[in-house]
Protein backbone atom coordinates (compact mmCIF):
# COMPACT_ATOMS: atom_id res chain seq x y z
CA UNK A 1 184.16 160.64 143.85
CA UNK A 2 180.77 159.93 141.37
CA UNK A 3 180.11 156.32 143.34
CA UNK A 4 179.51 155.02 147.01
CA UNK A 5 179.73 151.48 147.33
CA UNK A 6 177.04 149.80 150.14
CA UNK A 7 178.07 146.36 151.06
CA UNK A 8 176.39 144.44 154.03
CA UNK A 9 179.13 142.67 155.53
CA UNK A 10 178.54 138.97 157.33
CA UNK A 11 181.01 136.30 158.44
CA UNK A 12 179.51 132.96 159.56
CA UNK A 13 181.01 131.90 162.56
CA UNK A 14 180.87 128.43 161.93
CA UNK A 15 184.28 126.75 161.55
CA UNK A 16 183.61 124.98 158.56
CA UNK A 17 182.90 128.46 156.73
CA UNK A 18 184.73 130.76 158.61
CA UNK A 19 187.87 130.13 156.13
CA UNK A 20 186.02 130.39 153.05
CA UNK A 21 184.41 133.59 154.07
CA UNK A 22 188.05 134.69 154.70
CA UNK A 23 188.88 134.00 151.35
CA UNK A 24 185.80 135.83 150.15
CA UNK A 25 186.95 139.04 151.81
CA UNK A 26 190.10 138.77 150.49
CA UNK A 27 189.17 138.28 146.54
CA UNK A 28 186.74 141.49 146.86
CA UNK A 29 188.59 143.51 149.02
CA UNK A 30 191.86 142.90 147.06
CA UNK A 31 190.34 143.79 143.52
CA UNK A 32 188.17 146.69 144.89
CA UNK A 33 190.63 148.58 146.48
CA UNK A 34 192.18 149.22 142.53
CA UNK A 35 189.30 151.56 142.80
CA UNK A 36 190.53 154.21 145.81
CA UNK A 37 188.48 157.51 144.12
CA UNK A 38 185.60 155.78 145.77
CA UNK A 39 183.98 155.34 149.36
CA UNK A 40 182.74 152.04 150.52
CA UNK A 41 180.02 151.93 153.07
CA UNK A 42 180.14 148.73 155.26
CA UNK A 43 177.39 147.73 157.21
CA UNK A 44 178.72 145.24 159.76
CA UNK A 45 176.24 142.47 160.26
CA UNK A 46 178.45 139.94 162.32
CA UNK A 47 180.32 138.36 163.45
CA UNK A 48 183.03 140.65 163.75
CA UNK A 49 183.48 143.38 166.57
CA UNK A 50 183.70 146.86 164.80
CA UNK A 51 187.43 147.41 165.85
CA UNK A 52 188.13 143.77 164.77
CA UNK A 53 186.22 144.81 160.85
CA UNK A 54 188.67 148.00 161.22
CA UNK A 55 191.55 146.02 161.56
CA UNK A 56 190.78 143.97 158.88
CA UNK A 57 190.21 146.86 156.59
CA UNK A 58 193.60 148.37 157.40
CA UNK A 59 195.22 145.52 155.22
CA UNK A 60 193.96 147.43 152.16
CA UNK A 61 193.76 150.43 150.45
CA UNK A 62 189.98 150.93 150.63
CA UNK A 63 188.47 154.29 151.84
CA UNK A 64 185.74 152.72 153.95
CA UNK A 65 183.19 153.75 156.61
CA UNK A 66 181.53 151.17 158.69
CA UNK A 67 177.76 151.09 159.98
CA UNK A 68 176.16 148.75 162.36
CA UNK A 69 176.78 146.87 165.40
CA UNK A 70 177.43 143.32 164.31
CA UNK A 71 173.57 142.03 164.31
CA UNK A 72 172.50 140.51 161.35
CA UNK A 73 169.45 142.58 160.80
CA UNK A 74 168.74 141.48 157.19
CA UNK A 75 169.90 142.35 153.65
CA UNK A 76 167.24 145.10 152.85
CA UNK A 77 167.60 146.76 156.40
CA UNK A 78 171.17 146.90 156.05
CA UNK A 79 171.63 148.35 152.39
CA UNK A 80 168.69 150.61 153.62
CA UNK A 81 170.45 152.23 156.13
CA UNK A 82 173.55 152.55 153.94
CA UNK A 83 171.37 154.37 151.52
CA UNK A 84 169.83 157.00 154.43
CA UNK A 85 173.47 157.65 155.67
CA UNK A 86 174.71 158.43 151.77
CA UNK A 87 171.75 160.87 151.59
CA UNK A 88 172.33 162.63 154.67
CA UNK A 89 176.07 162.71 154.30
CA UNK A 90 177.03 162.38 150.82
CA UNK A 91 173.71 163.82 149.15
CA UNK A 92 176.30 165.19 145.88
CA UNK A 93 177.12 162.03 145.39
CA UNK A 94 174.90 160.83 142.00
CA UNK A 95 175.75 157.10 141.89
CA UNK A 96 174.97 154.01 144.46
CA UNK A 97 176.38 151.11 144.02
CA UNK A 98 175.12 147.91 145.55
CA UNK A 99 177.90 144.99 146.00
CA UNK A 100 178.44 141.93 147.96
CA UNK A 101 181.36 139.77 149.94
CA UNK A 102 181.62 137.54 146.83
CA UNK A 103 182.14 139.39 144.24
CA UNK A 104 185.69 139.81 142.24
CA UNK A 105 185.92 143.52 140.34
CA UNK A 106 188.33 144.24 137.45
CA UNK A 107 189.59 147.91 137.55
CA UNK A 108 187.03 150.47 136.65
CA UNK A 109 184.41 147.94 135.88
CA UNK A 110 181.62 150.70 136.92
CA UNK A 111 183.23 153.28 134.11
CA UNK A 112 181.25 151.78 131.09
CA UNK A 113 178.15 151.96 133.47
CA UNK A 114 178.35 155.34 134.84
CA UNK A 115 178.96 156.61 131.00
CA UNK A 116 175.29 154.95 130.01
CA UNK A 117 173.67 155.94 133.14
CA UNK A 118 174.84 159.88 132.39
CA UNK A 119 173.22 160.24 128.84
CA UNK A 120 170.26 158.08 129.82
CA UNK A 121 167.08 158.13 131.82
CA UNK A 122 167.74 154.63 133.00
CA UNK A 123 167.44 154.54 136.86
CA UNK A 124 169.62 151.72 137.63
CA UNK A 125 172.25 149.67 135.24
CA UNK A 126 174.21 146.07 136.17
CA UNK A 127 176.92 144.76 134.27
CA UNK A 128 177.33 141.11 132.82
CA UNK A 129 178.37 138.65 135.83
CA UNK A 130 180.14 135.25 135.82
CA UNK A 131 178.87 133.10 138.47
CA UNK A 132 180.69 130.02 140.39
CA UNK A 133 179.49 127.43 137.93
CA UNK A 134 180.07 129.36 134.70
CA UNK A 135 176.76 130.82 133.89
CA UNK A 136 176.73 134.17 131.76
CA UNK A 137 174.16 135.99 133.20
CA UNK A 138 172.05 137.68 131.51
CA UNK A 139 172.76 135.94 128.75
CA UNK A 140 172.52 132.23 129.66
CA UNK A 141 170.93 131.39 132.91
CA UNK A 142 170.80 127.86 133.96
CA UNK A 143 173.68 126.78 131.51
CA UNK A 144 177.56 126.82 132.28
CA UNK A 145 179.20 128.45 129.33
CA UNK A 146 182.79 128.94 130.58
CA UNK A 147 185.23 127.49 133.03
CA UNK A 148 185.85 129.57 136.27
CA UNK A 149 189.61 129.77 137.20
CA UNK A 150 190.54 129.36 140.50
CA UNK A 151 193.37 132.11 140.61
CA UNK A 152 192.04 135.82 140.53
CA UNK A 153 194.57 137.02 138.03
CA UNK A 154 193.07 134.48 135.54
CA UNK A 155 189.51 135.41 136.23
CA UNK A 156 190.43 139.09 135.95
CA UNK A 157 191.44 138.12 132.05
CA UNK A 158 188.19 135.88 131.66
CA UNK A 159 185.93 138.82 132.52
CA UNK A 160 187.90 141.38 130.03
CA UNK A 161 187.44 139.19 127.37
CA UNK A 162 183.44 138.48 127.72
CA UNK A 163 183.38 142.45 126.93
CA UNK A 164 181.00 143.96 124.42
CA UNK A 165 179.37 146.55 123.08
CA UNK A 166 175.80 145.05 123.90
CA UNK A 167 173.24 145.72 126.17
CA UNK A 168 170.47 143.31 127.65
CA UNK A 169 167.54 142.97 129.66
CA UNK A 170 167.77 141.59 133.00
CA UNK A 171 168.94 142.16 136.35
CA UNK A 172 171.90 141.42 138.65
CA UNK A 173 174.05 142.43 141.16
CA UNK A 174 176.10 144.22 141.27
CA UNK A 175 174.20 147.37 140.57
CA UNK A 176 174.79 150.95 140.04
CA UNK A 177 171.81 153.36 141.01
CA UNK A 178 170.86 157.16 140.37
CA UNK A 179 171.11 158.12 144.01
CA UNK A 180 168.27 160.98 143.70
CA UNK A 181 165.93 158.38 141.41
CA UNK A 182 166.63 155.83 144.43
CA UNK A 183 165.74 158.15 146.93
CA UNK A 184 162.47 159.12 145.15
CA UNK A 185 161.27 155.81 145.31
CA UNK A 186 162.24 155.29 148.82
CA UNK A 187 164.72 152.72 148.54
CA UNK A 188 163.73 149.43 150.13
CA UNK A 189 160.57 149.89 152.76
CA UNK A 190 161.23 147.87 155.54
CA UNK A 191 158.04 148.09 157.11
CA UNK A 192 157.09 145.75 154.71
CA UNK A 193 160.40 143.86 154.03
CA UNK A 194 160.64 142.28 157.36
CA UNK A 195 162.34 138.98 156.17
CA UNK A 196 166.32 139.34 156.36
CA UNK A 197 166.23 138.15 152.50
CA UNK A 198 164.35 137.57 149.82
CA UNK A 199 162.23 139.69 147.08
CA UNK A 200 164.08 143.07 147.98
CA UNK A 201 165.37 143.40 144.37
CA UNK A 202 161.64 142.99 143.25
CA UNK A 203 160.68 145.57 145.33
CA UNK A 204 162.93 148.30 144.07
CA UNK A 205 162.39 147.12 140.36
CA UNK A 206 158.46 147.98 140.98
CA UNK A 207 159.18 151.20 142.36
CA UNK A 208 161.27 152.15 139.43
CA UNK A 209 158.44 151.01 137.03
CA UNK A 210 155.89 152.92 138.87
CA UNK A 211 158.24 155.83 139.06
CA UNK A 212 158.98 155.77 135.54
CA UNK A 213 155.16 154.97 134.47
CA UNK A 214 153.69 151.25 133.71
CA UNK A 215 152.94 152.64 129.97
CA UNK A 216 156.46 152.62 129.20
CA UNK A 217 156.56 148.66 130.15
CA UNK A 218 160.69 149.51 131.43
CA UNK A 219 162.51 146.53 131.96
CA UNK A 220 166.22 146.85 134.04
CA UNK A 221 169.04 146.26 132.16
CA UNK A 222 172.73 144.83 131.79
CA UNK A 223 175.48 146.91 130.30
CA UNK A 224 177.97 144.06 128.55
CA UNK A 225 180.95 146.31 128.13
CA UNK A 226 181.71 145.43 131.73
CA UNK A 227 182.12 141.99 133.63
CA UNK A 228 182.05 141.01 137.40
CA UNK A 229 182.39 137.73 139.19
CA UNK A 230 179.68 137.07 141.19
CA UNK A 231 179.49 134.02 143.09
CA UNK A 232 175.76 134.12 143.74
CA UNK A 233 174.30 133.12 147.11
CA UNK A 234 177.83 132.11 148.41
CA UNK A 235 177.03 132.78 151.83
CA UNK A 236 173.22 133.63 153.23
CA UNK A 237 171.82 130.50 151.42
CA UNK A 238 173.53 128.67 154.59
CA UNK A 239 172.20 130.88 157.15
CA UNK A 240 169.23 129.39 159.32
CA UNK A 241 165.38 129.46 158.48
CA UNK A 242 165.79 131.13 155.37
CA UNK A 243 162.48 129.64 153.73
CA UNK A 244 160.69 131.57 156.37
CA UNK A 245 162.73 134.85 155.54
CA UNK A 246 161.77 134.57 152.00
CA UNK A 247 158.16 133.95 153.10
CA UNK A 248 158.07 136.86 154.96
CA UNK A 249 159.30 139.41 151.91
CA UNK A 250 157.08 137.54 149.90
CA UNK A 251 154.35 138.44 152.10
CA UNK A 252 155.34 142.25 152.55
CA UNK A 253 155.91 142.36 148.65
CA UNK A 254 152.68 141.48 148.07
CA UNK A 255 150.96 143.89 150.80
CA UNK A 256 153.00 146.49 149.02
CA UNK A 257 152.30 145.82 145.78
CA UNK A 258 149.07 143.82 145.26
CA UNK A 259 148.32 141.35 142.53
CA UNK A 260 148.91 143.54 139.80
CA UNK A 261 152.70 144.27 141.28
CA UNK A 262 153.27 140.22 140.66
CA UNK A 263 152.08 140.64 137.47
CA UNK A 264 153.92 143.45 136.66
CA UNK A 265 157.34 141.38 137.87
CA UNK A 266 156.10 138.25 135.58
CA UNK A 267 156.62 141.10 132.70
CA UNK A 268 159.61 142.68 133.93
CA UNK A 269 161.64 139.23 134.55
CA UNK A 270 159.48 137.25 132.18
CA UNK A 271 158.62 134.89 134.63
CA UNK A 272 156.11 131.98 134.90
CA UNK A 273 156.92 132.12 138.83
CA UNK A 274 155.40 135.45 139.33
CA UNK A 275 152.31 134.34 137.27
CA UNK A 276 152.05 131.74 139.48
CA UNK A 277 152.04 133.74 142.42
CA UNK A 278 149.44 136.06 140.94
CA UNK A 279 147.35 133.02 140.08
CA UNK A 280 148.08 131.29 144.05
CA UNK A 281 146.79 135.00 145.44
CA UNK A 282 143.94 135.09 143.70
CA UNK A 283 142.82 131.14 144.88
CA UNK A 284 143.56 132.20 148.27
CA UNK A 285 141.17 135.51 148.06
CA UNK A 286 138.69 132.84 146.52
CA UNK A 287 138.59 130.35 148.95
CA UNK A 288 138.12 133.20 152.14
């Protein structure tokens, strides 16, 4: 066993969403069960009780362990609990994958990524992803390039057809981390990331950039030898007070890394948005 999956598990209790979420569960677990050599660590964020979640998992051939009591403590908090559990109980496992429920996985999708990580000093690596609107990330964000089949088997064939021997700059989920490097940067610092979601990935990317040294001008990469389906924001965008949660984490991110951290994110993502946030921070200081 070389890798452990981490998954914050959330089912929405509203009747209009429950059927949709159960379909996500089936699509994710039925494809993930093809990989029986790696452990899946689930953090239960609701609304199923642990016994009910275990009954659900028993329908699939997954080597799964359940953490959490069913409360939605947030993405960063749940993932950090998973990381700390792995570091305490599986310190010998070299790789940790972050996955989501709205994903569909080809068999052995992770092998090209592990091969690259083993022979490089990259701290993390992602595959390419196809989202629900047919965008191909990181190749072409904001433009639909393929028609996404409804049938899982046809979707898996589409993912296979996209494979190419290329590496591109960019960051998406799923992502595979080198466990030891992730531990060195501390994972998610939830003293700062107090919101339930938003900017948690950016905090990790800054941690990696500073770990490697800013003079290197590192950027995360995607290995296009592997493609995964990720609907993207299929669930959590509907949760209440989402803008408040994002604002909490933005404030925490800025408190943790400061204005220079925002400029570093502008470089990493080639993003005007983070330049805007930097200028807003300066403007606020000048008004005080």
